[in-house]
Amino acid sequence: MDDFKIGETVRITGRTMTGSVGTVVHLDEKRGKYLVRISDVLQNYFTAEELEVFSS
């Protein structure tokens, strides 16, 4: 699980929330997923394949 680091800004490319931009806030190594916070009240887990580094 070295694809993304906590604090890194990512864009979601998977089927759920496609195009949204958020921040990696947790790595769940047991499940192989990253918790991405999109807003103050919205966050979800994604695999590395569902994310890409966001650059503006």
N, C-alpha and C. Protein backbone atom coordinates (compact mmCIF):
# COMPACT_ATOMS: atom_id res chain seq x y z
N MET A 1 0.83 -1.19 0.00
CA MET A 1 0.00 0.00 0.00
C MET A 1 0.87 1.24 0.00
N ASP A 2 1.67 1.37 -1.00
CA ASP A 2 2.56 2.52 -1.12
C ASP A 2 2.12 3.47 -2.21
N ASP A 3 0.94 3.26 -2.78
CA ASP A 3 0.49 4.08 -3.90
C ASP A 3 0.21 5.52 -3.49
N PHE A 4 -0.42 5.71 -2.32
CA PHE A 4 -0.79 7.04 -1.86
C PHE A 4 -0.44 7.19 -0.38
N LYS A 5 -0.22 8.43 0.03
CA LYS A 5 0.14 8.71 1.42
C LYS A 5 -0.96 9.52 2.09
N ILE A 6 -1.04 9.44 3.41
CA ILE A 6 -1.99 10.26 4.16
C ILE A 6 -1.68 11.73 3.90
N GLY A 7 -2.72 12.50 3.62
CA GLY A 7 -2.58 13.92 3.31
C GLY A 7 -2.50 14.22 1.83
N GLU A 8 -2.35 13.19 1.02
CA GLU A 8 -2.24 13.39 -0.43
C GLU A 8 -3.62 13.66 -1.04
N THR A 9 -3.67 14.57 -2.00
CA THR A 9 -4.92 14.90 -2.68
C THR A 9 -5.07 13.97 -3.89
N VAL A 10 -6.25 13.34 -3.98
CA VAL A 10 -6.50 12.37 -5.04
C VAL A 10 -7.83 12.66 -5.73
N ARG A 11 -7.93 12.16 -6.98
CA ARG A 11 -9.19 12.21 -7.72
C ARG A 11 -9.72 10.79 -7.80
N ILE A 12 -11.01 10.63 -7.62
CA ILE A 12 -11.62 9.32 -7.65
C ILE A 12 -11.97 8.96 -9.10
N THR A 13 -11.54 7.79 -9.53
CA THR A 13 -11.77 7.34 -10.90
C THR A 13 -12.66 6.11 -10.96
N GLY A 14 -13.03 5.57 -9.81
CA GLY A 14 -13.87 4.37 -9.76
C GLY A 14 -15.32 4.68 -10.08
N ARG A 15 -16.16 3.66 -9.98
CA ARG A 15 -17.59 3.82 -10.33
C ARG A 15 -18.34 4.71 -9.34
N THR A 16 -17.93 4.70 -8.08
CA THR A 16 -18.59 5.52 -7.06
C THR A 16 -17.86 6.85 -6.92
N MET A 17 -18.61 7.95 -6.98
CA MET A 17 -18.08 9.31 -6.77
C MET A 17 -17.03 9.70 -7.81
N THR A 18 -17.13 9.20 -9.01
CA THR A 18 -16.17 9.49 -10.08
C THR A 18 -16.01 11.00 -10.27
N GLY A 19 -14.76 11.44 -10.35
CA GLY A 19 -14.44 12.84 -10.59
C GLY A 19 -14.29 13.66 -9.32
N SER A 20 -14.75 13.15 -8.20
CA SER A 20 -14.61 13.89 -6.94
C SER A 20 -13.14 13.95 -6.53
N VAL A 21 -12.79 15.01 -5.83
CA VAL A 21 -11.43 15.19 -5.35
C VAL A 21 -11.48 15.19 -3.82
N GLY A 22 -10.54 14.49 -3.21
CA GLY A 22 -10.50 14.43 -1.76
C GLY A 22 -9.09 14.20 -1.24
N THR A 23 -8.99 13.98 0.06
CA THR A 23 -7.71 13.80 0.73
C THR A 23 -7.67 12.44 1.40
N VAL A 24 -6.57 11.72 1.21
CA VAL A 24 -6.39 10.43 1.87
C VAL A 24 -6.18 10.71 3.36
N VAL A 25 -7.02 10.07 4.21
CA VAL A 25 -6.94 10.31 5.65
C VAL A 25 -6.60 9.05 6.44
N HIS A 26 -6.67 7.88 5.80
CA HIS A 26 -6.39 6.64 6.52
C HIS A 26 -6.05 5.54 5.51
N LEU A 27 -5.14 4.64 5.90
CA LEU A 27 -4.80 3.47 5.10
C LEU A 27 -5.28 2.24 5.85
N ASP A 28 -6.15 1.46 5.25
CA ASP A 28 -6.62 0.21 5.84
C ASP A 28 -5.85 -0.92 5.17
N GLU A 29 -4.70 -1.26 5.70
CA GLU A 29 -3.83 -2.25 5.08
C GLU A 29 -4.46 -3.64 5.06
N LYS A 30 -5.27 -3.93 6.05
CA LYS A 30 -5.92 -5.25 6.12
C LYS A 30 -6.88 -5.44 4.94
N ARG A 31 -7.62 -4.40 4.61
CA ARG A 31 -8.59 -4.47 3.50
C ARG A 31 -8.00 -4.00 2.17
N GLY A 32 -6.82 -3.37 2.22
CA GLY A 32 -6.20 -2.87 1.00
C GLY A 32 -6.92 -1.66 0.42
N LYS A 33 -7.43 -0.79 1.31
CA LYS A 33 -8.19 0.37 0.84
C LYS A 33 -7.73 1.64 1.54
N TYR A 34 -8.00 2.75 0.86
CA TYR A 34 -7.68 4.08 1.36
C TYR A 34 -8.98 4.79 1.72
N LEU A 35 -9.01 5.44 2.89
CA LEU A 35 -10.16 6.26 3.26
C LEU A 35 -9.90 7.67 2.74
N VAL A 36 -10.81 8.14 1.89
CA VAL A 36 -10.66 9.46 1.27
C VAL A 36 -11.78 10.36 1.77
N ARG A 37 -11.41 11.50 2.33
CA ARG A 37 -12.39 12.50 2.80
C ARG A 37 -12.62 13.49 1.68
N ILE A 38 -13.88 13.60 1.26
CA ILE A 38 -14.23 14.47 0.15
C ILE A 38 -14.76 15.81 0.66
N SER A 39 -15.45 15.79 1.79
CA SER A 39 -15.94 17.02 2.42
C SER A 39 -16.00 16.78 3.93
N ASP A 40 -16.50 17.75 4.66
CA ASP A 40 -16.59 17.62 6.11
C ASP A 40 -17.47 16.45 6.54
N VAL A 41 -18.44 16.08 5.71
CA VAL A 41 -19.38 15.03 6.09
C VAL A 41 -19.38 13.84 5.14
N LEU A 42 -18.50 13.82 4.15
CA LEU A 42 -18.50 12.76 3.15
C LEU A 42 -17.11 12.15 3.01
N GLN A 43 -17.04 10.83 3.23
CA GLN A 43 -15.80 10.10 3.04
C GLN A 43 -16.15 8.66 2.68
N ASN A 44 -15.21 7.96 2.04
CA ASN A 44 -15.46 6.58 1.63
C ASN A 44 -14.12 5.88 1.41
N TYR A 45 -14.16 4.54 1.41
CA TYR A 45 -12.97 3.73 1.16
C TYR A 45 -12.86 3.41 -0.33
N PHE A 46 -11.63 3.45 -0.85
CA PHE A 46 -11.37 3.14 -2.25
C PHE A 46 -10.09 2.32 -2.37
N THR A 47 -10.02 1.49 -3.41
CA THR A 47 -8.79 0.77 -3.70
C THR A 47 -7.86 1.71 -4.48
N ALA A 48 -6.60 1.33 -4.60
CA ALA A 48 -5.63 2.15 -5.34
C ALA A 48 -6.04 2.29 -6.81
N GLU A 49 -6.68 1.27 -7.36
CA GLU A 49 -7.11 1.31 -8.76
C GLU A 49 -8.22 2.32 -9.01
N GLU A 50 -8.91 2.74 -7.95
CA GLU A 50 -10.00 3.69 -8.08
C GLU A 50 -9.56 5.13 -7.84
N LEU A 51 -8.26 5.36 -7.66
CA LEU A 51 -7.74 6.68 -7.34
C LEU A 51 -6.58 7.07 -8.25
N GLU A 52 -6.38 8.38 -8.39
CA GLU A 52 -5.20 8.91 -9.07
C GLU A 52 -4.79 10.17 -8.37
N VAL A 53 -3.50 10.48 -8.43
CA VAL A 53 -3.00 11.72 -7.81
C VAL A 53 -3.63 12.91 -8.53
N PHE A 54 -4.10 13.87 -7.76
CA PHE A 54 -4.72 15.06 -8.32
C PHE A 54 -3.68 16.17 -8.41
N SER A 55 -3.61 16.77 -9.58
CA SER A 55 -2.75 17.95 -9.74
C SER A 55 -3.55 19.01 -10.47
N SER A 56 -3.53 20.21 -9.93
CA SER A 56 -4.34 21.30 -10.51
C SER A 56 -3.57 22.06 -11.55
